[in-house]
Amino acid sequence: MHRAHFNVASHFGIRTPKHKLIYYYGLPLEAKGAQPEPTPPEWELFDLGKDPAEMNNVYADPAYTETRRKLSEQLFELQKQYEDTDPLSKL
């Protein structure tokens, strides 16, 4: 529901007890109620232990490179497992 609720772009993500990784792909994908204008893709990564309120996006922080890599791999594996197609392929 791209931007239909609280103006949040369409996204998918993964959460572990320690981290949350979100990919905002920003496409309406013809969903009923979605806003038709796409938004630029964006990533967010939160360290839930240090930042439980999710106020500090650490995606670009070099200290989280390995965490980002591992979570991205897990996210892509889940997409394969659930046969979820890449939304960017719909452009």
N, C-alpha and C. Protein backbone atom coordinates (compact mmCIF):
# COMPACT_ATOMS: atom_id res chain seq x y z
N MET A 1 0.84 -1.19 0.00
CA MET A 1 0.00 0.00 0.00
C MET A 1 0.89 1.25 0.00
N HIS A 2 1.55 1.47 -1.08
CA HIS A 2 2.51 2.56 -1.23
C HIS A 2 1.89 3.90 -0.83
N ARG A 3 2.39 4.47 0.25
CA ARG A 3 2.03 5.80 0.77
C ARG A 3 0.55 5.94 1.12
N ALA A 4 -0.17 4.83 1.28
CA ALA A 4 -1.59 4.90 1.63
C ALA A 4 -1.80 5.10 3.13
N HIS A 5 -0.86 4.65 3.94
CA HIS A 5 -0.98 4.77 5.40
C HIS A 5 0.24 5.50 5.94
N PHE A 6 0.03 6.63 6.57
CA PHE A 6 1.09 7.42 7.19
C PHE A 6 2.17 7.83 6.19
N ASN A 7 1.83 7.84 4.90
CA ASN A 7 2.75 8.27 3.83
C ASN A 7 4.02 7.41 3.76
N VAL A 8 3.95 6.15 4.18
CA VAL A 8 5.10 5.25 4.15
C VAL A 8 5.19 4.57 2.78
N ALA A 9 6.37 4.63 2.18
CA ALA A 9 6.59 4.02 0.87
C ALA A 9 6.50 2.49 0.98
N SER A 10 6.14 1.86 -0.11
CA SER A 10 6.08 0.39 -0.14
C SER A 10 7.47 -0.17 0.18
N HIS A 11 7.48 -1.27 0.93
CA HIS A 11 8.74 -1.78 1.43
C HIS A 11 8.63 -3.25 1.84
N PHE A 12 9.77 -3.84 2.09
CA PHE A 12 9.86 -5.13 2.76
C PHE A 12 11.11 -5.11 3.62
N GLY A 13 11.20 -6.02 4.56
CA GLY A 13 12.33 -5.99 5.46
C GLY A 13 12.45 -7.25 6.28
N ILE A 14 13.41 -7.22 7.16
CA ILE A 14 13.68 -8.35 8.05
C ILE A 14 14.06 -7.79 9.41
N ARG A 15 13.58 -8.48 10.45
CA ARG A 15 13.88 -8.08 11.82
C ARG A 15 14.43 -9.28 12.57
N THR A 16 15.50 -9.04 13.30
CA THR A 16 16.06 -10.03 14.21
C THR A 16 15.92 -9.44 15.62
N PRO A 17 16.29 -10.18 16.65
CA PRO A 17 16.23 -9.58 17.99
C PRO A 17 17.13 -8.34 18.15
N LYS A 18 18.16 -8.24 17.31
CA LYS A 18 19.13 -7.15 17.46
C LYS A 18 19.03 -6.04 16.41
N HIS A 19 18.50 -6.37 15.21
CA HIS A 19 18.53 -5.41 14.11
C HIS A 19 17.25 -5.46 13.28
N LYS A 20 17.02 -4.37 12.55
CA LYS A 20 15.93 -4.32 11.58
C LYS A 20 16.48 -3.70 10.29
N LEU A 21 16.29 -4.39 9.18
CA LEU A 21 16.71 -3.91 7.86
C LEU A 21 15.46 -3.74 7.01
N ILE A 22 15.29 -2.57 6.41
CA ILE A 22 14.11 -2.27 5.60
C ILE A 22 14.56 -1.75 4.24
N TYR A 23 13.91 -2.25 3.19
CA TYR A 23 14.14 -1.73 1.84
C TYR A 23 12.84 -1.12 1.34
N TYR A 24 12.86 0.18 1.13
CA TYR A 24 11.71 0.90 0.59
C TYR A 24 11.88 0.95 -0.92
N TYR A 25 11.13 0.11 -1.62
CA TYR A 25 11.26 0.09 -3.08
C TYR A 25 10.38 1.15 -3.73
N GLY A 26 9.36 1.62 -3.05
CA GLY A 26 8.64 2.81 -3.45
C GLY A 26 7.81 2.73 -4.71
N LEU A 27 7.22 1.58 -5.00
CA LEU A 27 6.39 1.43 -6.20
C LEU A 27 4.96 1.04 -5.80
N PRO A 28 3.95 1.61 -6.46
CA PRO A 28 2.57 1.27 -6.11
C PRO A 28 2.15 -0.13 -6.55
N LEU A 29 2.76 -0.65 -7.60
CA LEU A 29 2.49 -1.99 -8.11
C LEU A 29 0.99 -2.26 -8.28
N GLU A 30 0.25 -1.23 -8.66
CA GLU A 30 -1.18 -1.33 -8.96
C GLU A 30 -2.02 -1.79 -7.77
N ALA A 31 -1.53 -1.61 -6.54
CA ALA A 31 -2.29 -1.98 -5.35
C ALA A 31 -3.42 -0.98 -5.13
N LYS A 32 -4.60 -1.48 -4.83
CA LYS A 32 -5.75 -0.63 -4.58
C LYS A 32 -5.47 0.27 -3.38
N GLY A 33 -5.66 1.56 -3.55
CA GLY A 33 -5.43 2.52 -2.48
C GLY A 33 -4.03 3.08 -2.42
N ALA A 34 -3.10 2.50 -3.17
CA ALA A 34 -1.73 3.00 -3.18
C ALA A 34 -1.65 4.31 -3.95
N GLN A 35 -0.75 5.17 -3.53
CA GLN A 35 -0.52 6.41 -4.26
C GLN A 35 0.26 6.09 -5.53
N PRO A 36 -0.12 6.68 -6.67
CA PRO A 36 0.48 6.28 -7.95
C PRO A 36 1.92 6.75 -8.16
N GLU A 37 2.37 7.81 -7.47
CA GLU A 37 3.71 8.34 -7.71
C GLU A 37 4.76 7.49 -7.01
N PRO A 38 5.75 6.98 -7.75
CA PRO A 38 6.83 6.21 -7.10
C PRO A 38 7.73 7.13 -6.27
N THR A 39 8.44 6.53 -5.35
CA THR A 39 9.44 7.25 -4.56
C THR A 39 10.80 6.58 -4.78
N PRO A 40 11.89 7.30 -4.56
CA PRO A 40 13.21 6.70 -4.78
C PRO A 40 13.46 5.53 -3.81
N PRO A 41 14.15 4.51 -4.26
CA PRO A 41 14.51 3.40 -3.36
C PRO A 41 15.38 3.90 -2.21
N GLU A 42 15.22 3.27 -1.05
CA GLU A 42 15.97 3.69 0.13
C GLU A 42 16.10 2.50 1.10
N TRP A 43 17.23 2.43 1.78
CA TRP A 43 17.48 1.40 2.79
C TRP A 43 17.56 2.03 4.17
N GLU A 44 17.10 1.27 5.19
CA GLU A 44 17.28 1.65 6.58
C GLU A 44 17.76 0.43 7.36
N LEU A 45 18.65 0.67 8.31
CA LEU A 45 19.13 -0.36 9.22
C LEU A 45 19.14 0.24 10.62
N PHE A 46 18.54 -0.47 11.56
CA PHE A 46 18.50 0.00 12.93
C PHE A 46 19.12 -1.03 13.86
N ASP A 47 19.90 -0.55 14.80
CA ASP A 47 20.47 -1.37 15.87
C ASP A 47 19.49 -1.29 17.03
N LEU A 48 18.66 -2.30 17.18
CA LEU A 48 17.57 -2.27 18.16
C LEU A 48 18.06 -2.30 19.60
N GLY A 49 19.25 -2.81 19.84
CA GLY A 49 19.82 -2.80 21.19
C GLY A 49 20.22 -1.40 21.62
N LYS A 50 20.87 -0.68 20.72
CA LYS A 50 21.34 0.68 21.02
C LYS A 50 20.28 1.74 20.75
N ASP A 51 19.33 1.42 19.87
CA ASP A 51 18.36 2.42 19.41
C ASP A 51 16.97 1.77 19.29
N PRO A 52 16.35 1.40 20.41
CA PRO A 52 15.06 0.70 20.33
C PRO A 52 13.93 1.55 19.73
N ALA A 53 14.08 2.87 19.74
CA ALA A 53 13.06 3.75 19.15
C ALA A 53 13.26 3.93 17.64
N GLU A 54 14.31 3.33 17.08
CA GLU A 54 14.61 3.38 15.64
C GLU A 54 14.71 4.82 15.13
N MET A 55 15.54 5.60 15.77
CA MET A 55 15.72 7.00 15.39
C MET A 55 16.99 7.25 14.59
N ASN A 56 17.93 6.27 14.59
CA ASN A 56 19.23 6.47 13.95
C ASN A 56 19.47 5.39 12.90
N ASN A 57 19.34 5.76 11.64
CA ASN A 57 19.58 4.84 10.53
C ASN A 57 21.09 4.64 10.38
N VAL A 58 21.56 3.41 10.63
CA VAL A 58 23.00 3.11 10.57
C VAL A 58 23.38 2.39 9.28
N TYR A 59 22.52 2.41 8.28
CA TYR A 59 22.78 1.67 7.04
C TYR A 59 24.13 2.04 6.42
N ALA A 60 24.46 3.31 6.41
CA ALA A 60 25.72 3.76 5.77
C ALA A 60 26.91 3.73 6.72
N ASP A 61 26.72 3.36 7.96
CA ASP A 61 27.80 3.34 8.94
C ASP A 61 28.72 2.15 8.65
N PRO A 62 30.01 2.39 8.41
CA PRO A 62 30.93 1.30 8.11
C PRO A 62 31.01 0.24 9.21
N ALA A 63 30.69 0.59 10.43
CA ALA A 63 30.73 -0.38 11.53
C ALA A 63 29.67 -1.46 11.37
N TYR A 64 28.68 -1.22 10.52
CA TYR A 64 27.58 -2.18 10.32
C TYR A 64 27.65 -2.89 8.97
N THR A 65 28.78 -2.82 8.30
CA THR A 65 28.92 -3.44 6.99
C THR A 65 28.60 -4.93 7.02
N GLU A 66 29.15 -5.65 7.96
CA GLU A 66 28.92 -7.10 8.03
C GLU A 66 27.47 -7.41 8.41
N THR A 67 26.91 -6.66 9.33
CA THR A 67 25.50 -6.85 9.71
C THR A 67 24.60 -6.61 8.51
N ARG A 68 24.87 -5.53 7.78
CA ARG A 68 24.09 -5.19 6.58
C ARG A 68 24.18 -6.32 5.55
N ARG A 69 25.36 -6.86 5.34
CA ARG A 69 25.54 -7.94 4.37
C ARG A 69 24.75 -9.18 4.77
N LYS A 70 24.87 -9.57 6.04
CA LYS A 70 24.19 -10.78 6.51
C LYS A 70 22.67 -10.64 6.44
N LEU A 71 22.16 -9.50 6.88
CA LEU A 71 20.72 -9.30 6.84
C LEU A 71 20.19 -9.22 5.41
N SER A 72 20.95 -8.59 4.53
CA SER A 72 20.54 -8.53 3.12
C SER A 72 20.46 -9.92 2.52
N GLU A 73 21.45 -10.75 2.81
CA GLU A 73 21.43 -12.13 2.31
C GLU A 73 20.21 -12.88 2.84
N GLN A 74 19.92 -12.72 4.14
CA GLN A 74 18.75 -13.38 4.71
C GLN A 74 17.46 -12.88 4.06
N LEU A 75 17.38 -11.59 3.83
CA LEU A 75 16.19 -11.01 3.21
C LEU A 75 15.99 -11.56 1.80
N PHE A 76 17.05 -11.62 1.01
CA PHE A 76 16.95 -12.13 -0.36
C PHE A 76 16.61 -13.62 -0.37
N GLU A 77 17.13 -14.37 0.59
CA GLU A 77 16.79 -15.79 0.70
C GLU A 77 15.30 -15.98 1.03
N LEU A 78 14.77 -15.13 1.90
CA LEU A 78 13.35 -15.20 2.22
C LEU A 78 12.50 -14.87 1.00
N GLN A 79 12.95 -13.92 0.20
CA GLN A 79 12.23 -13.60 -1.04
C GLN A 79 12.18 -14.83 -1.95
N LYS A 80 13.28 -15.51 -2.08
CA LYS A 80 13.31 -16.73 -2.89
C LYS A 80 12.40 -17.79 -2.31
N GLN A 81 12.50 -18.00 -1.00
CA GLN A 81 11.70 -19.03 -0.33
C GLN A 81 10.21 -18.80 -0.53
N TYR A 82 9.77 -17.55 -0.46
CA TYR A 82 8.35 -17.24 -0.60
C TYR A 82 7.96 -16.84 -2.02
N GLU A 83 8.90 -17.01 -2.95
CA GLU A 83 8.67 -16.71 -4.36
C GLU A 83 8.15 -15.29 -4.56
N ASP A 84 8.75 -14.39 -3.83
CA ASP A 84 8.41 -12.96 -3.92
C ASP A 84 9.30 -12.34 -4.99
N THR A 85 8.70 -11.84 -6.03
CA THR A 85 9.48 -11.28 -7.12
C THR A 85 10.07 -9.92 -6.73
N ASP A 86 11.11 -9.54 -7.38
CA ASP A 86 11.73 -8.26 -7.17
C ASP A 86 10.80 -7.16 -7.70
N PRO A 87 10.34 -6.24 -6.83
CA PRO A 87 9.43 -5.22 -7.29
C PRO A 87 10.02 -4.32 -8.37
N LEU A 88 11.33 -4.16 -8.40
CA LEU A 88 11.94 -3.30 -9.42
C LEU A 88 11.85 -3.93 -10.80
N SER A 89 11.63 -5.22 -10.87
CA SER A 89 11.49 -5.85 -12.18
C SER A 89 10.17 -5.50 -12.83
N LYS A 90 9.26 -4.88 -12.09
CA LYS A 90 7.96 -4.51 -12.62
C LYS A 90 7.98 -3.16 -13.32
N LEU A 91 9.13 -2.46 -13.29
CA LEU A 91 9.23 -1.16 -13.97
C LEU A 91 9.21 -1.31 -15.48
